Amino acid sequence: MSKFLLIDDDLELGNRLKDWFAEKSITLEVANCGGDGLQLLAAYQYDLILLDWQLPDMTGLDICKKYRKEGGMTHIIFLTGENSIDNKEGGLMAGGDDYVVKPFDIRELYARVHSVLRRNLETIPEKLEISGVILDSQSRTVHVDSASFAVTPTECAVLEYLMRHANRPYTAQRLLAAIWPSDAEVSEGTVRTCVLNLRKKLAGAGKTDLIKQVVNSGYVIEKK
């Protein structure tokens, strides 16, 4: 399950995109000004940023430059009503990955999103397999040999994230920032409970040690 951030002061657009992406099992968070957007980027992890060119408090170009200067690597697609070559060049030179002119068809935006994410070497197919465990993120089903079981959307997101970043341990705090929406009323205890439930389901299929817990480092799935 992916998590995107939209930084745009158009409330109607934000609501439309949020609903549309939800149907694609993508969480879209919305910040209506640059300051709020930068705060979210500092505290949480996102798979993609949709960035309006002109915001009430600063320009999208300034946000992009600041984010890149501080080491931010997430893909950025600019959304703007300006179609000039100067703006396009400026956005791409500042670290943007693509540029969509308003008004746009959401299907076009979604196609651009797919195009940009395909450039990421860490992009993973819908089915992931490690140590005989196959996760089908589309159907939210885990297959182990001839057995299979369903997982909740959140369990699926956690398992997918750990499989996608195999051999790297993640604390409950880092998983919380990477997967849960910033406005969700959850804690690190919620993450631990989610992982515990996942481990119980995996143990029922004979995979008791797929998700390992490393002292002072968090949770990890090892891929040999």
Foldseek 3Di string as FASTA:
>chain_A
DFEEEEAAQPPVVQVVVQVVVVVVVYHYHYHNALVVVVVLVVQFDGQEYEYEQDGPPDGSLVSLLVCVVVPNDHAYEYEYQDDDPVVQVSNVVSPHDYYHHPPDDVVVVVVVVVVSSVVDPLDDDQWFDAPQWIARLVQQKIDHPPDIDHDDSQLSVLVVVQRSVAPAFDALSRSCRHGPDPPDPDDSVVSVVSVVVVLVVCVVSVPNPQWDQDPPGHIHGHHD
